[in-house]
Amino acid sequence: MSVEEEIDPVLNPILKYSKCEPESYKNNLHKDRVFEVLQSSRNENDSFCDIKFQTDDGTIIYGHRNILASATPYFRAMFSSFGESNKDLVNIKKLDSTIFLLLIDYIYTGEIMITPENVQVVLAAADLLQLAYVKQACVEFLQKHLDPSNCLGIKVFADLHNCIELLSKCEKFIENQFLEIVKYDEFLSLSSEEVIKLISSSNIAVPFEEKIYECVLKWVKHQLNKRKHLLPNLMEHVRLPLISKEYLLENVVNEHLLKNDPKCKDYVFEALHFNLIKLVNPSSIPETIWCKPRQSLKIVLVLSWSSLKEKFITSWYDPLTNQLQIASEITNFGYSSTLCMCVVKDQFVFIVEGLSRCVYMLDTSLQPYCWVHKTYLLSSVPFLKVVVLNDSIYAICYTHNRSENTVEVFSCNTLKWQRVTSMPNNKHKFGVGVLNNYIYAVGGVNSNGMTNKSVDCYDPIKDCWFSIAQMSISRHSVGVGVLNGLMYAVGGFADNGSVLKSVEVYSPSDGVWTSIADMHLCRQNHGVVALNGLLYVIGGCQSNSDNSVEIYNPETNSWSMKTALTNKIHPFYGTVVVNKPPYL
């Protein structure tokens, strides 16, 4: 009798005419229980085990071909294509029996215990057996436990086993923690080629180049007789011009290892020569790798007017701590609405005042603060905006009753101003930005007092101006920022006099403006800077936002807001990002 015939005939009509829908049932414990049985039965007495492995130390490990082949391509190939396919016993060479058993157990249980002691051996074995999950687990374990004492060794290990993600993490960690890393024995054990690769990088974070010099001497003196002949090759990558003159004279000039080597003596002489140039005209130092600062922390310098002190002041805003602190008072100017600020090479800050034509420069790496007077502007103007392109300062100047805006450019090499082609549209209160080696004048107020949405673009190579796509709305006193190859027009005044919190972004590849998420607050005459992949909007002359900072994340198209601690941001006239000075 069939199963169907054994079913109670009374039930048949009920099931047939009750219109029951089919339902799927899943036993979530089924696979676990099956594998528990398979795992517990892996021994010589289990008749279903059809493969056994023998490691170099004689340990025998049992398994099931189908289970192992389904878990990894390594065993699938072994049991189908190679000589082991017809063997009941397979010899496993050069794999520790404990680690091999750990990985076979993982195949049956889905669990593995990774420890500091076994992680590297497990990763290497998992890589060989093509157990991708285990390899990735080991990578995450190593990433979590990276520290200055082990990162150099882990980097070599990651490179050996083609762990791209781990290798990248190690390289970034080494760049950011270089000064801690050189304190440990791993650094002293490096080859000269590995040391050169480290110290030649522009991405290592060091506050002073003196530290690079010191770690080179430390490495050489660790095995002096074997390594002293390598010193010239290493010193080639120490950026001696970045070392202070005082340190050079006290610690470098008289170092006997350098004095006794002609090539090293030449490096020291060049460094002293660079220091002399820096004294005479610091902004004219050539852009060579030897005098280019390495990766450094960035900080924002804010220029503002203090009605309480009746002086202009500069303040430091540190985005990492959200702290705002006064840097210095500026006694060179009385109140002026024509003051502008810009920065060259992330270090040399310039202030330009339109009516008096005065130009002052501050080297932020030096202390105490000293604003040095530079060559006067060619013309006295009631409004101007300054912007830096290719280490030259462009001043776009507005004068009443003219049909165009004059443009002057200051060369940091010649220390002179000269006129270039004027901007055809006569307007003021516009924002300025630099994108892809073009200068953009965004929005503004024309000679008829009308706020406009026009955007004018300057090509310094052709020395000509042209118009690009207009913004979606008219804006003046607008903030302009450039981030990831895009230009942002932030807030400002609308043509009806209202203050805006809307933001739009210009893509040069598409040639169009697109609206993005609004800020939390309306802002005008605010500072906009790009830093660490984010857009920072500072101040804005609104009573409730003088000391507030809004941060835009382009990945999430969202704004977050912070209140800058300590000092309030007064109505201000400029923000620039500079290398964080060593004394802060």
Protein backbone atom coordinates (compact mmCIF):
# COMPACT_ATOMS: atom_id res chain seq x y z
CA MET A 1 0.00 0.00 0.00
CA SER A 2 1.37 3.47 -0.95
CA VAL A 3 1.67 6.39 1.45
CA GLU A 4 -1.21 8.10 -0.33
CA GLU A 5 -3.39 5.00 0.17
CA GLU A 6 -2.60 4.89 3.89
CA ILE A 7 -3.90 8.44 4.48
CA ASP A 8 -7.25 8.55 6.24
CA PRO A 9 -9.83 8.93 3.48
CA VAL A 10 -11.91 11.16 5.76
CA LEU A 11 -9.21 13.87 5.59
CA ASN A 12 -8.91 13.93 1.82
CA PRO A 13 -12.05 15.98 1.16
CA ILE A 14 -11.15 18.44 3.93
CA LEU A 15 -7.71 19.18 2.47
CA LYS A 16 -9.03 19.19 -1.06
CA TYR A 17 -11.79 21.74 -0.61
CA SER A 18 -10.48 23.95 2.25
CA LYS A 19 -8.38 26.04 -0.18
CA CYS A 20 -5.17 25.73 1.89
CA GLU A 21 -2.20 27.66 0.47
CA PRO A 22 1.21 25.95 0.37
CA GLU A 23 3.60 27.08 3.09
CA SER A 24 7.38 26.79 3.39
CA TYR A 25 8.97 25.77 6.69
CA LYS A 26 12.65 26.13 7.52
CA ASN A 27 14.45 24.46 10.39
CA ASN A 28 17.19 26.96 11.23
CA LEU A 29 18.89 24.44 13.49
CA HIS A 30 19.03 21.69 10.85
CA LYS A 31 22.42 22.51 9.30
CA ASP A 32 24.01 23.17 12.68
CA ARG A 33 22.85 19.81 14.00
CA VAL A 34 24.02 17.98 10.90
CA PHE A 35 27.47 19.54 11.13
CA GLU A 36 27.63 18.88 14.86
CA VAL A 37 27.15 15.18 14.14
CA LEU A 38 29.72 15.23 11.34
CA GLN A 39 32.24 17.08 13.52
CA SER A 40 31.79 14.74 16.50
CA SER A 41 32.23 11.65 14.34
CA ARG A 42 35.56 12.63 12.75
CA ASN A 43 37.73 9.77 13.98
CA GLU A 44 39.13 6.46 12.80
CA ASN A 45 35.99 4.60 13.91
CA ASP A 46 33.66 6.65 11.71
CA SER A 47 32.93 4.66 8.55
CA PHE A 48 31.73 7.81 6.77
CA CYS A 49 35.12 9.57 7.02
CA ASP A 50 36.67 8.95 3.63
CA ILE A 51 39.86 11.05 3.85
CA LYS A 52 42.62 11.47 6.38
CA PHE A 53 45.54 13.90 6.44
CA GLN A 54 48.96 13.44 7.97
CA THR A 55 51.03 16.50 8.94
CA ASP A 56 54.81 16.66 9.23
CA ASP A 57 54.75 15.75 12.92
CA GLY A 58 52.70 12.57 12.23
CA THR A 59 49.34 13.86 13.43
CA ILE A 60 46.36 12.23 11.67
CA ILE A 61 43.27 14.39 10.96
CA TYR A 62 40.03 12.86 9.62
CA GLY A 63 37.42 14.37 7.32
CA HIS A 64 34.78 13.98 4.63
CA ARG A 65 35.71 14.74 1.04
CA ASN A 66 32.35 16.26 0.10
CA ILE A 67 32.31 18.57 3.13
CA LEU A 68 35.88 19.79 2.61
CA ALA A 69 35.47 20.19 -1.17
CA SER A 70 32.33 22.25 -0.70
CA ALA A 71 34.09 24.57 1.77
CA THR A 72 37.10 25.65 -0.30
CA PRO A 73 38.44 25.47 -3.88
CA TYR A 74 41.72 24.13 -2.45
CA PHE A 75 40.18 20.79 -1.43
CA ARG A 76 37.85 20.73 -4.43
CA ALA A 77 40.88 20.80 -6.72
CA MET A 78 42.77 18.29 -4.54
CA PHE A 79 39.99 15.71 -4.67
CA SER A 80 39.09 16.12 -8.32
CA SER A 81 42.19 16.96 -10.34
CA PHE A 82 45.41 16.08 -8.52
CA GLY A 83 47.11 12.84 -7.50
CA GLU A 84 45.49 12.95 -4.07
CA SER A 85 42.04 12.38 -5.64
CA ASN A 86 42.50 8.59 -5.41
CA LYS A 87 44.29 8.47 -2.06
CA ASP A 88 42.80 7.80 1.34
CA LEU A 89 45.78 9.41 3.11
CA VAL A 90 47.18 12.82 2.07
CA ASN A 91 50.42 14.23 3.43
CA ILE A 92 50.19 17.93 4.33
CA LYS A 93 53.61 19.56 4.16
CA LYS A 94 54.83 22.69 5.95
CA LEU A 95 51.59 23.28 7.87
CA ASP A 96 51.57 23.13 11.65
CA SER A 97 49.24 20.33 12.79
CA THR A 98 47.56 22.53 15.41
CA ILE A 99 46.78 25.25 12.86
CA PHE A 100 45.65 22.76 10.21
CA LEU A 101 43.29 21.09 12.70
CA LEU A 102 41.99 24.52 13.73
CA LEU A 103 41.07 25.29 10.11
CA ILE A 104 39.49 21.87 9.47
CA ASP A 105 37.43 22.35 12.65
CA TYR A 106 36.38 25.77 11.32
CA ILE A 107 35.03 24.14 8.15
CA TYR A 108 32.74 21.98 10.29
CA THR A 109 31.78 24.56 12.96
CA GLY A 110 32.05 27.96 11.28
CA GLU A 111 34.02 29.21 14.31
CA ILE A 112 37.71 29.86 14.89
CA MET A 113 39.72 31.28 17.79
CA ILE A 114 42.30 33.86 16.67
CA THR A 115 44.96 34.95 19.15
CA PRO A 116 47.97 37.29 19.03
CA GLU A 117 50.16 34.17 19.05
CA ASN A 118 48.50 32.35 16.13
CA VAL A 119 47.05 35.10 13.93
CA GLN A 120 49.92 35.30 11.43
CA VAL A 121 50.22 31.53 11.05
CA VAL A 122 46.44 31.16 10.73
CA LEU A 123 46.30 33.88 8.08
CA ALA A 124 49.09 32.27 6.04
CA ALA A 125 47.43 28.85 6.28
CA ALA A 126 43.97 30.24 5.47
CA ASP A 127 45.50 31.98 2.47
CA LEU A 128 46.95 28.66 1.30
CA LEU A 129 43.70 26.73 1.87
CA GLN A 130 41.67 29.54 0.27
CA LEU A 131 39.46 30.11 3.32
CA ALA A 132 38.57 33.72 2.55
CA TYR A 133 36.47 34.34 5.67
CA VAL A 134 39.25 33.22 8.01
CA LYS A 135 41.83 35.29 6.15
CA GLN A 136 39.62 38.39 6.42
CA ALA A 137 39.03 37.71 10.12
CA CYS A 138 42.79 37.62 10.65
CA VAL A 139 43.18 40.89 8.73
CA GLU A 140 40.59 42.57 10.95
CA PHE A 141 42.28 41.17 14.06
CA LEU A 142 45.66 42.56 12.98
CA GLN A 143 44.17 45.93 12.08
CA LYS A 144 42.57 46.16 15.51
CA HIS A 145 45.89 45.42 17.23
CA LEU A 146 48.21 47.59 15.14
CA ASP A 147 50.59 49.59 17.31
CA PRO A 148 53.93 51.37 16.85
CA SER A 149 55.90 48.34 18.04
CA ASN A 150 54.54 45.89 15.42
CA CYS A 151 53.23 47.82 12.42
CA LEU A 152 56.43 47.60 10.35
CA GLY A 153 56.48 43.82 10.64
CA ILE A 154 52.76 43.50 9.93
CA LYS A 155 53.20 45.67 6.84
CA VAL A 156 55.82 43.28 5.46
CA PHE A 157 53.59 40.32 6.30
CA ALA A 158 50.56 41.96 4.62
CA ASP A 159 52.57 42.62 1.47
CA LEU A 160 53.81 39.00 1.41
CA HIS A 161 50.26 37.60 1.56
CA ASN A 162 48.67 40.19 -0.73
CA CYS A 163 46.44 41.66 2.01
CA ILE A 164 45.76 44.94 0.22
CA GLU A 165 43.44 46.38 2.86
CA LEU A 166 45.82 45.53 5.72
CA LEU A 167 48.79 46.88 3.78
CA SER A 168 47.00 50.17 3.21
CA LYS A 169 46.07 50.41 6.91
CA CYS A 170 49.66 49.77 7.90
CA GLU A 171 51.01 52.41 5.54
CA LYS A 172 48.54 54.99 6.86
CA PHE A 173 49.33 54.03 10.45
CA ILE A 174 53.07 54.34 9.80
CA GLU A 175 52.60 57.77 8.22
CA ASN A 176 50.62 59.08 11.19
CA GLN A 177 52.62 57.38 13.97
CA PHE A 178 56.12 57.70 12.53
CA LEU A 179 57.64 59.40 15.56
CA GLU A 180 56.41 56.65 17.86
CA ILE A 181 57.49 53.86 15.51
CA VAL A 182 61.14 54.96 15.39
CA LYS A 183 61.38 54.38 19.15
CA TYR A 184 61.10 50.60 18.75
CA ASP A 185 63.53 47.90 17.67
CA GLU A 186 61.60 47.12 14.47
CA PHE A 187 62.79 50.45 13.04
CA LEU A 188 66.43 49.81 13.96
CA SER A 189 66.23 46.41 12.22
CA LEU A 190 65.12 47.85 8.88
CA SER A 191 67.40 47.77 5.84
CA SER A 192 68.73 51.05 4.46
CA GLU A 193 66.35 50.71 1.49
CA GLU A 194 63.39 50.40 3.85
CA VAL A 195 64.52 53.42 5.89
CA ILE A 196 64.90 55.47 2.70
CA LYS A 197 61.43 54.47 1.56
CA LEU A 198 60.05 55.73 4.88
CA ILE A 199 61.91 59.03 5.15
CA SER A 200 61.52 59.97 1.48
CA SER A 201 57.74 60.05 1.83
CA SER A 202 55.97 63.40 1.99
CA ASN A 203 53.09 61.80 3.87
CA ILE A 204 54.77 61.01 7.17
CA ALA A 205 53.47 63.30 9.92
CA VAL A 206 56.32 65.05 11.70
CA PRO A 207 56.09 68.48 13.37
CA PHE A 208 59.81 69.15 12.81
CA GLU A 209 62.22 67.84 10.18
CA GLU A 210 64.74 67.67 13.01
CA LYS A 211 63.03 64.43 14.06
CA ILE A 212 63.80 62.81 10.69
CA TYR A 213 67.43 63.83 11.02
CA GLU A 214 67.61 62.39 14.54
CA CYS A 215 66.07 59.06 13.59
CA VAL A 216 68.53 58.68 10.67
CA LEU A 217 71.48 59.21 13.00
CA LYS A 218 69.93 56.80 15.52
CA TRP A 219 69.60 54.09 12.84
CA VAL A 220 73.18 54.60 11.59
CA LYS A 221 74.73 54.66 15.07
CA HIS A 222 72.88 51.45 16.07
CA GLN A 223 75.43 49.54 13.96
CA LEU A 224 77.90 52.30 13.24
CA ASN A 225 80.69 50.34 11.60
CA LYS A 226 78.27 48.54 9.24
CA ARG A 227 76.10 51.53 8.43
CA LYS A 228 78.14 54.74 8.44
CA HIS A 229 78.94 54.40 4.73
CA LEU A 230 75.17 54.53 4.04
CA LEU A 231 74.73 57.94 5.69
CA PRO A 232 75.04 60.04 2.47
CA ASN A 233 72.28 58.00 0.81
CA LEU A 234 70.02 58.55 3.83
CA MET A 235 70.83 62.25 4.27
CA GLU A 236 69.78 62.83 0.67
CA HIS A 237 66.20 62.31 1.88
CA VAL A 238 66.40 64.45 5.02
CA ARG A 239 64.91 67.85 4.17
CA LEU A 240 67.59 69.91 5.89
CA PRO A 241 66.29 73.28 4.59
CA LEU A 242 63.20 72.76 6.77
CA ILE A 243 65.38 72.54 9.90
CA SER A 244 65.73 75.78 11.86
CA LYS A 245 68.96 77.72 11.52
CA GLU A 246 69.61 77.41 15.27
CA TYR A 247 69.28 73.62 15.18
CA LEU A 248 71.50 73.41 12.09
CA LEU A 249 74.26 75.38 13.77
CA GLU A 250 74.01 73.57 17.10
CA ASN A 251 73.37 69.96 16.06
CA VAL A 252 74.07 69.44 12.37
CA VAL A 253 77.07 71.54 11.37
CA ASN A 254 79.27 70.02 14.07
CA GLU A 255 78.10 66.39 13.75
CA HIS A 256 81.38 64.54 13.05
CA LEU A 257 79.69 61.88 10.87
CA LEU A 258 78.55 64.64 8.50
CA LYS A 259 81.75 66.69 8.70
CA ASN A 260 83.78 63.66 7.60
CA ASP A 261 81.70 63.03 4.48
CA PRO A 262 81.98 65.43 1.49
CA LYS A 263 78.48 64.71 0.18
CA CYS A 264 76.89 65.29 3.59
CA LYS A 265 78.84 68.54 3.98
CA ASP A 266 77.30 69.74 0.69
CA TYR A 267 73.80 68.98 2.00
CA VAL A 268 74.49 71.05 5.13
CA PHE A 269 75.84 73.97 3.08
CA GLU A 270 72.73 73.93 0.85
CA ALA A 271 70.51 73.98 3.92
CA LEU A 272 72.30 77.03 5.33
CA HIS A 273 71.92 78.73 1.95
CA PHE A 274 68.17 78.05 1.94
CA ASN A 275 67.90 79.55 5.41
CA LEU A 276 69.55 82.69 4.12
CA ILE A 277 67.02 82.93 1.27
CA LYS A 278 64.22 82.44 3.76
CA LEU A 279 65.46 85.39 5.79
CA VAL A 280 65.54 87.70 2.76
CA ASN A 281 62.34 86.60 0.99
CA PRO A 282 60.65 83.54 2.50
CA SER A 283 57.80 83.31 0.01
CA SER A 284 60.24 82.97 -2.89
CA ILE A 285 61.69 79.64 -1.79
CA PRO A 286 61.51 77.27 -4.81
CA GLU A 287 59.11 74.33 -4.71
CA THR A 288 61.62 71.48 -4.60
CA ILE A 289 61.04 68.23 -2.74
CA TRP A 290 63.95 69.14 -0.48
CA CYS A 291 62.16 72.14 0.99
CA LYS A 292 58.57 70.94 0.77
CA PRO A 293 57.02 70.32 4.20
CA ARG A 294 55.84 66.81 4.90
CA GLN A 295 52.34 65.93 5.95
CA SER A 296 51.29 68.19 8.79
CA LEU A 297 48.15 68.79 10.75
CA LYS A 298 46.01 71.61 9.42
CA ILE A 299 44.38 74.43 11.34
CA VAL A 300 42.18 77.37 10.35
CA LEU A 301 43.28 80.98 10.81
CA VAL A 302 40.37 83.41 11.15
CA LEU A 303 40.64 87.18 10.62
CA SER A 304 38.02 89.28 12.41
CA TRP A 305 37.27 92.72 13.83
CA SER A 306 36.93 93.11 17.60
CA SER A 307 34.58 95.99 18.42
CA LEU A 308 35.58 95.61 22.07
CA LYS A 309 39.29 96.12 21.42
CA GLU A 310 38.72 98.16 18.25
CA LYS A 311 41.36 96.09 16.53
CA PHE A 312 41.60 93.35 13.99
CA ILE A 313 42.50 90.00 15.52
CA THR A 314 43.49 86.60 14.19
CA SER A 315 42.25 83.43 15.88
CA TRP A 316 43.08 79.76 15.53
CA TYR A 317 40.23 77.34 14.98
CA ASP A 318 41.23 73.70 15.43
CA PRO A 319 38.60 71.36 13.87
CA LEU A 320 39.94 68.37 15.83
CA THR A 321 39.26 69.95 19.22
CA ASN A 322 36.60 72.46 18.12
CA GLN A 323 38.59 75.09 20.03
CA LEU A 324 38.87 78.73 19.04
CA GLN A 325 41.66 80.81 20.56
CA ILE A 326 43.03 84.27 19.83
CA ALA A 327 46.34 84.18 17.99
CA SER A 328 47.31 87.85 17.80
CA GLU A 329 46.08 91.40 17.54
CA ILE A 330 46.87 93.37 14.42
CA THR A 331 47.81 97.00 15.02
CA ASN A 332 48.65 97.78 11.38
CA PHE A 333 45.06 98.70 10.44
CA GLY A 334 42.17 100.65 11.87
CA TYR A 335 38.63 99.54 11.03
CA SER A 336 38.28 98.77 7.34
CA SER A 337 35.67 96.97 5.30
CA THR A 338 38.16 96.34 2.49
CA LEU A 339 40.47 93.92 4.32
CA CYS A 340 41.06 90.49 2.72
CA MET A 341 43.21 87.49 3.65
CA CYS A 342 44.77 84.63 1.68
CA VAL A 343 47.54 82.05 2.12
CA VAL A 344 50.47 80.88 -0.02
CA LYS A 345 51.97 77.40 0.39
CA ASP A 346 49.82 76.77 3.48
CA GLN A 347 52.25 78.86 5.52
CA PHE A 348 52.55 82.47 4.35
CA VAL A 349 49.42 84.45 5.18
CA PHE A 350 48.81 87.75 3.36
CA ILE A 351 46.47 90.57 4.38
CA VAL A 352 45.54 93.12 1.70
CA GLU A 353 43.73 96.40 2.47
CA GLY A 354 42.11 98.09 -0.52
CA LEU A 355 41.88 101.76 0.42
CA SER A 356 45.39 102.10 1.91
CA ARG A 357 46.83 99.64 -0.65
CA CYS A 358 48.83 98.03 2.21
CA VAL A 359 49.97 94.42 2.04
CA TYR A 360 51.36 92.48 5.01
CA MET A 361 52.69 88.93 5.28
CA LEU A 362 52.89 86.54 8.24
CA ASP A 363 55.04 83.40 8.31
CA THR A 364 52.92 81.16 10.55
CA SER A 365 55.83 78.82 11.31
CA LEU A 366 57.65 81.53 13.25
CA GLN A 367 57.11 82.87 16.72
CA PRO A 368 56.63 85.56 17.88
CA TYR A 369 54.15 86.84 15.31
CA CYS A 370 55.59 89.35 12.92
CA TRP A 371 53.58 90.94 10.11
CA VAL A 372 56.02 92.12 7.43
CA HIS A 373 55.07 94.90 5.04
CA LYS A 374 55.16 94.03 1.34
CA THR A 375 54.78 96.01 -1.88
CA TYR A 376 51.70 98.27 -2.11
CA LEU A 377 48.76 97.53 -4.39
CA LEU A 378 48.84 99.55 -7.60
CA SER A 379 45.43 101.14 -6.99
CA SER A 380 43.34 102.27 -4.03
CA VAL A 381 39.92 100.56 -4.20
CA PRO A 382 36.80 100.46 -1.96
CA PHE A 383 36.24 96.71 -2.40
CA LEU A 384 38.42 93.78 -3.42
CA LYS A 385 38.68 90.03 -3.09
CA VAL A 386 41.99 88.14 -3.09
CA VAL A 387 42.67 84.56 -4.10
CA VAL A 388 45.83 82.48 -4.60
CA LEU A 389 46.60 80.55 -7.77
CA ASN A 390 49.99 78.95 -8.49
CA ASP A 391 51.59 80.82 -5.56
CA SER A 392 50.54 84.19 -7.00
CA ILE A 393 47.99 86.47 -5.33
CA TYR A 394 45.19 87.83 -7.51
CA ALA A 395 43.30 90.90 -6.30
CA ILE A 396 39.99 91.50 -8.09
CA CYS A 397 39.21 95.16 -7.45
CA TYR A 398 35.91 97.05 -7.65
CA THR A 399 35.72 100.80 -8.22
CA HIS A 400 32.54 102.89 -8.46
CA ASN A 401 31.49 104.17 -11.90
CA ARG A 402 33.64 101.75 -13.89
CA SER A 403 32.45 99.29 -16.47
CA GLU A 404 34.82 96.53 -15.35
CA ASN A 405 36.77 95.23 -12.33
CA THR A 406 40.53 95.68 -12.50
CA VAL A 407 42.71 92.72 -11.60
CA GLU A 408 46.22 92.85 -10.13
CA VAL A 409 48.53 89.89 -9.54
CA PHE A 410 51.35 89.73 -6.99
CA SER A 411 54.28 87.43 -7.74
CA CYS A 412 55.93 85.94 -4.66
CA ASN A 413 59.13 85.63 -6.67
CA THR A 414 59.44 89.20 -7.93
CA LEU A 415 57.51 90.78 -5.00
CA LYS A 416 55.76 93.06 -7.48
CA TRP A 417 52.16 93.74 -8.52
CA GLN A 418 51.14 93.95 -12.15
CA ARG A 419 47.82 94.31 -13.94
CA VAL A 420 46.24 91.57 -16.00
CA THR A 421 43.02 91.56 -18.04
CA SER A 422 40.12 93.19 -16.18
CA MET A 423 36.95 91.29 -15.32
CA PRO A 424 34.29 92.53 -17.80
CA ASN A 425 31.43 92.58 -15.30
CA ASN A 426 31.72 95.44 -12.80
CA LYS A 427 30.47 94.05 -9.48
CA HIS A 428 31.35 93.80 -5.80
CA LYS A 429 30.43 91.63 -2.78
CA PHE A 430 31.12 88.52 -4.83
CA GLY A 431 32.75 85.32 -3.57
CA VAL A 432 35.94 83.88 -5.04
CA GLY A 433 37.32 80.38 -5.48
CA VAL A 434 39.97 78.47 -7.41
CA LEU A 435 39.10 75.25 -9.22
CA ASN A 436 41.19 73.38 -11.82
CA ASN A 437 43.58 76.36 -12.21
CA TYR A 438 40.76 78.80 -12.96
CA ILE A 439 39.62 81.71 -10.77
CA TYR A 440 35.87 82.11 -10.24
CA ALA A 441 34.02 85.27 -9.13
CA VAL A 442 30.64 84.05 -7.86
CA GLY A 443 27.52 86.21 -7.59
CA GLY A 444 27.79 89.76 -6.25
CA VAL A 445 26.14 93.14 -6.68
CA ASN A 446 26.39 94.98 -10.01
CA SER A 447 26.80 98.74 -10.56
CA ASN A 448 23.00 99.19 -10.50
CA GLY A 449 22.83 97.73 -6.99
CA MET A 450 21.19 94.50 -8.17
CA THR A 451 22.22 91.14 -6.70
CA ASN A 452 23.04 88.70 -9.50
CA LYS A 453 23.59 85.02 -10.12
CA SER A 454 26.39 85.38 -12.68
CA VAL A 455 29.73 83.57 -12.38
CA ASP A 456 32.84 84.91 -14.12
CA CYS A 457 35.87 82.70 -14.77
CA TYR A 458 39.51 83.72 -15.37
CA ASP A 459 42.06 81.65 -17.31
CA PRO A 460 45.55 82.81 -16.20
CA ILE A 461 47.28 81.06 -19.11
CA LYS A 462 45.23 82.86 -21.76
CA ASP A 463 44.77 85.95 -19.55
CA CYS A 464 41.10 86.14 -20.39
CA TRP A 465 37.69 86.13 -18.65
CA PHE A 466 34.55 84.26 -19.69
CA SER A 467 31.17 83.51 -18.18
CA ILE A 468 30.00 80.07 -17.05
CA ALA A 469 26.58 78.74 -16.06
CA GLN A 470 24.69 80.99 -13.65
CA MET A 471 23.66 79.88 -10.18
CA SER A 472 20.04 78.95 -9.62
CA ILE A 473 19.44 82.06 -7.47
CA SER A 474 21.10 85.46 -7.03
CA ARG A 475 23.56 85.78 -4.14
CA HIS A 476 25.97 88.33 -2.75
CA SER A 477 28.32 88.12 0.26
CA VAL A 478 28.35 84.43 -0.59
CA GLY A 479 30.84 81.92 0.80
CA VAL A 480 32.75 79.87 -1.76
CA GLY A 481 34.54 76.60 -1.06
CA VAL A 482 36.21 73.98 -3.25
CA LEU A 483 36.17 70.30 -2.28
CA ASN A 484 36.87 67.15 -4.30
CA GLY A 485 36.88 68.95 -7.65
CA LEU A 486 33.56 70.74 -7.03
CA MET A 487 32.82 74.37 -6.14
CA TYR A 488 30.24 75.27 -3.50
CA ALA A 489 28.26 78.53 -3.25
CA VAL A 490 27.14 78.75 0.38
CA GLY A 491 24.49 81.09 1.80
CA GLY A 492 24.79 84.84 1.25
CA PHE A 493 22.15 87.53 0.65
CA ALA A 494 19.32 86.95 -1.81
CA ASP A 495 18.12 89.69 -4.17
CA ASN A 496 15.30 90.55 -1.76
CA GLY A 497 17.76 91.18 1.08
CA SER A 498 17.02 87.99 3.01
CA VAL A 499 19.89 85.89 4.32
CA LEU A 500 20.16 82.42 2.77
CA LYS A 501 20.94 78.99 4.15
CA SER A 502 20.71 77.29 0.77
CA VAL A 503 23.78 75.82 -0.93
CA GLU A 504 24.51 74.85 -4.52
CA VAL A 505 27.45 73.09 -6.09
CA TYR A 506 29.12 73.51 -9.49
CA SER A 507 30.55 70.56 -11.40
CA PRO A 508 33.03 71.69 -14.10
CA SER A 509 32.63 68.40 -15.97
CA ASP A 510 28.85 68.88 -16.27
CA GLY A 511 28.92 72.68 -16.40
CA VAL A 512 25.85 73.02 -14.17
CA TRP A 513 24.91 74.11 -10.64
CA THR A 514 22.97 71.66 -8.45
CA SER A 515 21.23 72.36 -5.14
CA ILE A 516 22.28 70.30 -2.13
CA ALA A 517 21.08 70.11 1.49
CA ASP A 518 20.49 73.45 3.25
CA MET A 519 22.60 74.55 6.21
CA HIS A 520 20.96 74.72 9.63
CA LEU A 521 21.39 78.52 9.81
CA CYS A 522 21.24 81.44 7.40
CA ARG A 523 24.71 82.93 6.84
CA GLN A 524 26.39 85.81 5.03
CA ASN A 525 29.97 87.12 4.99
CA HIS A 526 31.06 83.77 6.43
CA GLY A 527 34.21 81.75 5.90
CA VAL A 528 34.24 78.51 3.92
CA VAL A 529 37.22 76.14 3.92
CA ALA A 530 37.80 72.53 2.86
CA LEU A 531 39.57 70.25 5.31
CA ASN A 532 39.93 66.46 5.62
CA GLY A 533 37.27 65.74 3.01
CA LEU A 534 34.70 68.02 4.67
CA LEU A 535 33.47 71.58 4.09
CA TYR A 536 33.62 73.91 7.10
CA VAL A 537 31.44 77.03 7.25
CA ILE A 538 32.50 79.42 10.02
CA GLY A 539 30.64 82.42 11.43
CA GLY A 540 28.26 84.52 9.42
CA CYS A 541 27.42 87.71 11.36
CA GLN A 542 24.14 86.26 12.65
CA SER A 543 23.53 86.91 16.34
CA ASN A 544 23.06 83.22 17.08
CA SER A 545 25.83 81.89 14.87
CA ASP A 546 28.85 84.12 15.44
CA ASN A 547 30.70 81.29 17.12
CA SER A 548 29.08 78.39 15.29
CA VAL A 549 30.60 76.08 12.72
CA GLU A 550 28.67 73.97 10.23
CA ILE A 551 30.30 70.96 8.61
CA TYR A 552 29.18 69.43 5.32
CA ASN A 553 29.83 65.78 4.51
CA PRO A 554 29.53 65.25 0.73
CA GLU A 555 29.17 61.48 1.15
CA THR A 556 25.95 61.84 3.14
CA ASN A 557 24.82 65.23 1.76
CA SER A 558 24.24 66.39 5.32
CA TRP A 559 25.29 69.19 7.67
CA SER A 560 26.30 68.93 11.31
CA MET A 561 26.73 71.92 13.59
CA LYS A 562 29.17 72.73 16.36
CA THR A 563 29.66 75.71 18.63
CA ALA A 564 33.30 76.75 18.61
CA LEU A 565 34.48 76.74 22.19
CA THR A 566 36.34 79.45 24.16
CA ASN A 567 36.15 82.69 22.16
CA LYS A 568 33.36 84.05 20.04
CA ILE A 569 33.95 84.66 16.34
CA HIS A 570 33.43 88.36 15.74
CA PRO A 571 32.29 89.71 12.37
CA PHE A 572 35.22 88.61 10.30
CA TYR A 573 37.02 89.10 7.02
CA GLY A 574 38.65 85.87 6.04
CA THR A 575 39.50 82.24 6.82
CA VAL A 576 42.45 80.23 5.52
CA VAL A 577 43.77 76.74 6.17
CA VAL A 578 47.45 76.59 7.16
CA ASN A 579 49.92 74.02 8.43
CA LYS A 580 49.49 73.80 12.18
CA PRO A 581 52.45 75.69 13.68
CA PRO A 582 54.80 73.60 15.84
CA TYR A 583 54.24 75.88 18.84
CA LEU A 584 50.47 75.22 19.04
